[in-house]
């Protein structure tokens, strides 16, 4: 799960990561993105899933093995 700031490149980088892992490895990959496309500077959340088993349904993650926060001020807000 990645928390970013609108227009900081986090969502774009995560979309590229999903494409690379899905096409260049034996893992299945899925990205689910939550962001306000109209506001630069708002919070973006990228829910990325990878694994050897097929991913059947998209959903928001309720817990994650890895969390990245690209803006230190989010640590107190989220």
N, C-alpha and C. Protein backbone atom coordinates (compact mmCIF):
# COMPACT_ATOMS: atom_id res chain seq x y z
N UNK A 1 0.86 -1.16 0.00
CA UNK A 1 0.00 0.00 0.00
C UNK A 1 0.91 1.23 0.00
N UNK A 2 0.64 2.15 -0.90
CA UNK A 2 1.44 3.36 -1.02
C UNK A 2 0.54 4.58 -0.85
N UNK A 3 0.94 5.46 0.04
CA UNK A 3 0.26 6.74 0.20
C UNK A 3 1.12 7.81 -0.44
N UNK A 4 0.53 8.59 -1.34
CA UNK A 4 1.28 9.63 -2.02
C UNK A 4 0.51 10.93 -2.04
N UNK A 5 1.10 11.91 -2.66
CA UNK A 5 0.52 13.23 -2.80
C UNK A 5 0.15 13.42 -4.26
N UNK A 6 -1.06 13.87 -4.54
CA UNK A 6 -1.50 14.05 -5.92
C UNK A 6 -0.46 14.81 -6.74
N UNK A 7 -0.15 14.30 -7.91
CA UNK A 7 0.82 14.88 -8.86
C UNK A 7 2.27 14.65 -8.46
N UNK A 8 2.55 13.78 -7.46
CA UNK A 8 3.94 13.52 -7.11
C UNK A 8 4.55 12.33 -7.88
N UNK A 9 3.74 11.66 -8.69
CA UNK A 9 4.24 10.54 -9.50
C UNK A 9 4.05 9.17 -8.88
N UNK A 10 3.51 9.09 -7.68
CA UNK A 10 3.35 7.81 -7.00
C UNK A 10 2.41 6.88 -7.76
N UNK A 11 1.25 7.37 -8.17
CA UNK A 11 0.29 6.52 -8.88
C UNK A 11 0.87 6.05 -10.21
N UNK A 12 1.48 6.93 -10.95
CA UNK A 12 2.09 6.55 -12.23
C UNK A 12 3.19 5.50 -12.07
N UNK A 13 4.02 5.68 -11.07
CA UNK A 13 5.09 4.71 -10.81
C UNK A 13 4.51 3.36 -10.41
N UNK A 14 3.46 3.37 -9.60
CA UNK A 14 2.84 2.11 -9.19
C UNK A 14 2.14 1.42 -10.35
N UNK A 15 1.53 2.17 -11.26
CA UNK A 15 0.92 1.56 -12.44
C UNK A 15 1.99 0.89 -13.30
N UNK A 16 3.14 1.53 -13.45
CA UNK A 16 4.24 0.92 -14.20
C UNK A 16 4.76 -0.32 -13.50
N UNK A 17 4.85 -0.29 -12.20
CA UNK A 17 5.30 -1.45 -11.42
C UNK A 17 4.39 -2.64 -11.65
N UNK A 18 3.08 -2.41 -11.61
CA UNK A 18 2.11 -3.48 -11.85
C UNK A 18 2.32 -4.08 -13.24
N UNK A 19 2.50 -3.23 -14.25
CA UNK A 19 2.71 -3.72 -15.61
C UNK A 19 3.98 -4.57 -15.71
N UNK A 20 5.06 -4.10 -15.11
CA UNK A 20 6.33 -4.82 -15.18
C UNK A 20 6.25 -6.16 -14.46
N UNK A 21 5.75 -6.16 -13.25
CA UNK A 21 5.68 -7.42 -12.48
C UNK A 21 4.72 -8.40 -13.16
N UNK A 22 3.61 -7.91 -13.68
CA UNK A 22 2.65 -8.78 -14.34
C UNK A 22 3.15 -9.38 -15.64
N UNK A 23 4.01 -8.66 -16.35
CA UNK A 23 4.47 -9.15 -17.64
C UNK A 23 5.86 -9.78 -17.61
N UNK A 24 6.68 -9.44 -16.64
CA UNK A 24 8.07 -9.91 -16.62
C UNK A 24 8.37 -10.97 -15.56
N UNK A 25 7.39 -11.31 -14.72
CA UNK A 25 7.60 -12.34 -13.70
C UNK A 25 6.48 -13.38 -13.79
N UNK A 26 6.57 -14.41 -13.00
CA UNK A 26 5.52 -15.44 -12.95
C UNK A 26 4.40 -15.06 -11.98
N UNK A 27 4.48 -13.89 -11.39
CA UNK A 27 3.48 -13.45 -10.43
C UNK A 27 2.28 -12.80 -11.13
N UNK A 28 1.12 -12.97 -10.51
CA UNK A 28 -0.05 -12.19 -10.90
C UNK A 28 0.06 -10.85 -10.19
N UNK A 29 -0.47 -9.81 -10.80
CA UNK A 29 -0.37 -8.49 -10.20
C UNK A 29 -1.66 -7.71 -10.42
N UNK A 30 -2.01 -6.89 -9.44
CA UNK A 30 -3.21 -6.06 -9.55
C UNK A 30 -2.99 -4.76 -8.79
N UNK A 31 -3.42 -3.67 -9.37
CA UNK A 31 -3.37 -2.38 -8.69
C UNK A 31 -4.77 -1.79 -8.61
N UNK A 32 -5.10 -1.23 -7.48
CA UNK A 32 -6.38 -0.56 -7.27
C UNK A 32 -6.02 0.81 -6.70
N UNK A 33 -6.43 1.87 -7.38
CA UNK A 33 -5.96 3.21 -7.04
C UNK A 33 -7.12 4.10 -6.59
N UNK A 34 -6.88 4.86 -5.53
CA UNK A 34 -7.89 5.79 -5.00
C UNK A 34 -7.26 7.18 -4.98
N UNK A 35 -7.84 8.08 -5.77
CA UNK A 35 -7.30 9.44 -5.80
C UNK A 35 -8.34 10.38 -6.39
N UNK A 36 -8.16 11.66 -6.12
CA UNK A 36 -9.01 12.70 -6.69
C UNK A 36 -8.28 13.25 -7.90
N UNK A 37 -8.76 12.94 -9.08
CA UNK A 37 -8.06 13.34 -10.30
C UNK A 37 -8.14 14.85 -10.57
N UNK A 38 -8.98 15.57 -9.83
CA UNK A 38 -9.14 17.01 -10.07
C UNK A 38 -8.26 17.87 -9.18
N UNK A 39 -7.67 17.28 -8.14
CA UNK A 39 -6.93 18.10 -7.18
C UNK A 39 -5.49 17.65 -7.04
N UNK A 40 -4.59 18.48 -7.50
CA UNK A 40 -3.17 18.24 -7.25
C UNK A 40 -2.91 18.51 -5.78
N UNK A 41 -2.17 17.64 -5.14
CA UNK A 41 -1.86 17.83 -3.73
C UNK A 41 -2.74 17.04 -2.79
N UNK A 42 -3.75 16.34 -3.30
CA UNK A 42 -4.59 15.53 -2.42
C UNK A 42 -3.91 14.18 -2.15
N UNK A 43 -4.45 13.42 -1.23
CA UNK A 43 -3.87 12.13 -0.87
C UNK A 43 -4.25 11.09 -1.93
N UNK A 44 -3.26 10.30 -2.37
CA UNK A 44 -3.51 9.17 -3.25
C UNK A 44 -3.16 7.90 -2.50
N UNK A 45 -3.92 6.84 -2.78
CA UNK A 45 -3.65 5.56 -2.14
C UNK A 45 -3.60 4.49 -3.23
N UNK A 46 -2.49 3.76 -3.28
CA UNK A 46 -2.32 2.68 -4.26
C UNK A 46 -2.33 1.35 -3.51
N UNK A 47 -3.28 0.51 -3.87
CA UNK A 47 -3.42 -0.82 -3.27
C UNK A 47 -2.85 -1.82 -4.27
N UNK A 48 -1.64 -2.32 -4.04
CA UNK A 48 -0.98 -3.24 -4.96
C UNK A 48 -0.99 -4.65 -4.40
N UNK A 49 -1.31 -5.61 -5.27
CA UNK A 49 -1.33 -7.02 -4.85
C UNK A 49 -0.52 -7.83 -5.84
N UNK A 50 0.32 -8.72 -5.31
CA UNK A 50 1.14 -9.61 -6.12
C UNK A 50 1.08 -11.01 -5.54
N UNK A 51 1.21 -12.01 -6.39
CA UNK A 51 1.25 -13.36 -5.85
C UNK A 51 1.27 -14.42 -6.93
N UNK A 52 1.55 -15.63 -6.53
CA UNK A 52 1.61 -16.78 -7.45
C UNK A 52 0.22 -17.27 -7.84
N UNK A 53 -0.79 -16.97 -6.99
CA UNK A 53 -2.15 -17.41 -7.28
C UNK A 53 -2.91 -16.31 -8.03
N UNK A 54 -3.80 -16.74 -8.91
CA UNK A 54 -4.58 -15.80 -9.69
C UNK A 54 -5.41 -14.89 -8.77
N UNK A 55 -5.46 -13.61 -9.09
CA UNK A 55 -6.23 -12.63 -8.32
C UNK A 55 -7.59 -12.50 -9.00
N UNK A 56 -8.64 -12.90 -8.29
CA UNK A 56 -9.96 -12.99 -8.91
C UNK A 56 -10.80 -11.73 -8.81
N UNK A 57 -10.66 -10.97 -7.73
CA UNK A 57 -11.51 -9.80 -7.51
C UNK A 57 -10.69 -8.60 -7.07
N UNK A 58 -11.04 -7.41 -7.57
CA UNK A 58 -10.39 -6.20 -7.07
C UNK A 58 -11.02 -5.76 -5.75
N UNK A 59 -10.21 -5.30 -4.83
CA UNK A 59 -10.74 -4.74 -3.59
C UNK A 59 -9.68 -3.89 -2.92
N UNK A 60 -10.12 -3.01 -2.04
CA UNK A 60 -9.20 -2.20 -1.25
C UNK A 60 -8.59 -3.07 -0.17
N UNK A 61 -7.32 -2.87 0.10
CA UNK A 61 -6.64 -3.64 1.14
C UNK A 61 -7.07 -3.16 2.52
N UNK A 62 -7.30 -4.09 3.42
CA UNK A 62 -7.60 -3.72 4.80
C UNK A 62 -6.36 -3.87 5.68
N UNK A 63 -5.38 -4.66 5.22
CA UNK A 63 -4.08 -4.74 5.88
C UNK A 63 -3.04 -5.05 4.81
N UNK A 64 -1.81 -4.66 5.07
CA UNK A 64 -0.77 -4.81 4.06
C UNK A 64 0.52 -5.32 4.70
N UNK A 65 1.30 -6.03 3.90
CA UNK A 65 2.62 -6.49 4.35
C UNK A 65 3.66 -5.39 4.22
N UNK A 66 3.38 -4.40 3.38
CA UNK A 66 4.31 -3.29 3.16
C UNK A 66 3.49 -2.02 3.00
N UNK A 67 3.90 -0.96 3.68
CA UNK A 67 3.25 0.34 3.56
C UNK A 67 4.32 1.39 3.31
N UNK A 68 4.10 2.21 2.28
CA UNK A 68 5.00 3.31 1.97
C UNK A 68 4.23 4.61 2.10
N UNK A 69 4.86 5.59 2.69
CA UNK A 69 4.24 6.89 2.87
C UNK A 69 5.19 7.94 2.30
N UNK A 70 4.79 8.57 1.20
CA UNK A 70 5.68 9.48 0.49
C UNK A 70 5.60 10.92 0.96
N UNK A 71 4.81 11.17 1.99
CA UNK A 71 4.74 12.51 2.55
C UNK A 71 4.68 12.37 4.08
N UNK A 72 5.71 12.81 4.78
CA UNK A 72 5.76 12.62 6.24
C UNK A 72 4.55 13.18 6.99
N UNK A 73 3.91 14.21 6.48
CA UNK A 73 2.75 14.77 7.19
C UNK A 73 1.57 13.79 7.23
N UNK A 74 1.55 12.81 6.33
CA UNK A 74 0.46 11.81 6.33
C UNK A 74 0.52 10.90 7.55
N UNK A 75 1.67 10.76 8.14
CA UNK A 75 1.82 9.88 9.29
C UNK A 75 0.90 10.29 10.44
N UNK A 76 0.64 11.57 10.54
CA UNK A 76 -0.23 12.05 11.61
C UNK A 76 -1.68 12.18 11.15
N UNK A 77 -1.90 12.28 9.82
CA UNK A 77 -3.25 12.47 9.28
C UNK A 77 -4.00 11.15 9.07
N UNK A 78 -3.27 10.12 8.68
CA UNK A 78 -3.91 8.86 8.28
C UNK A 78 -3.76 7.81 9.38
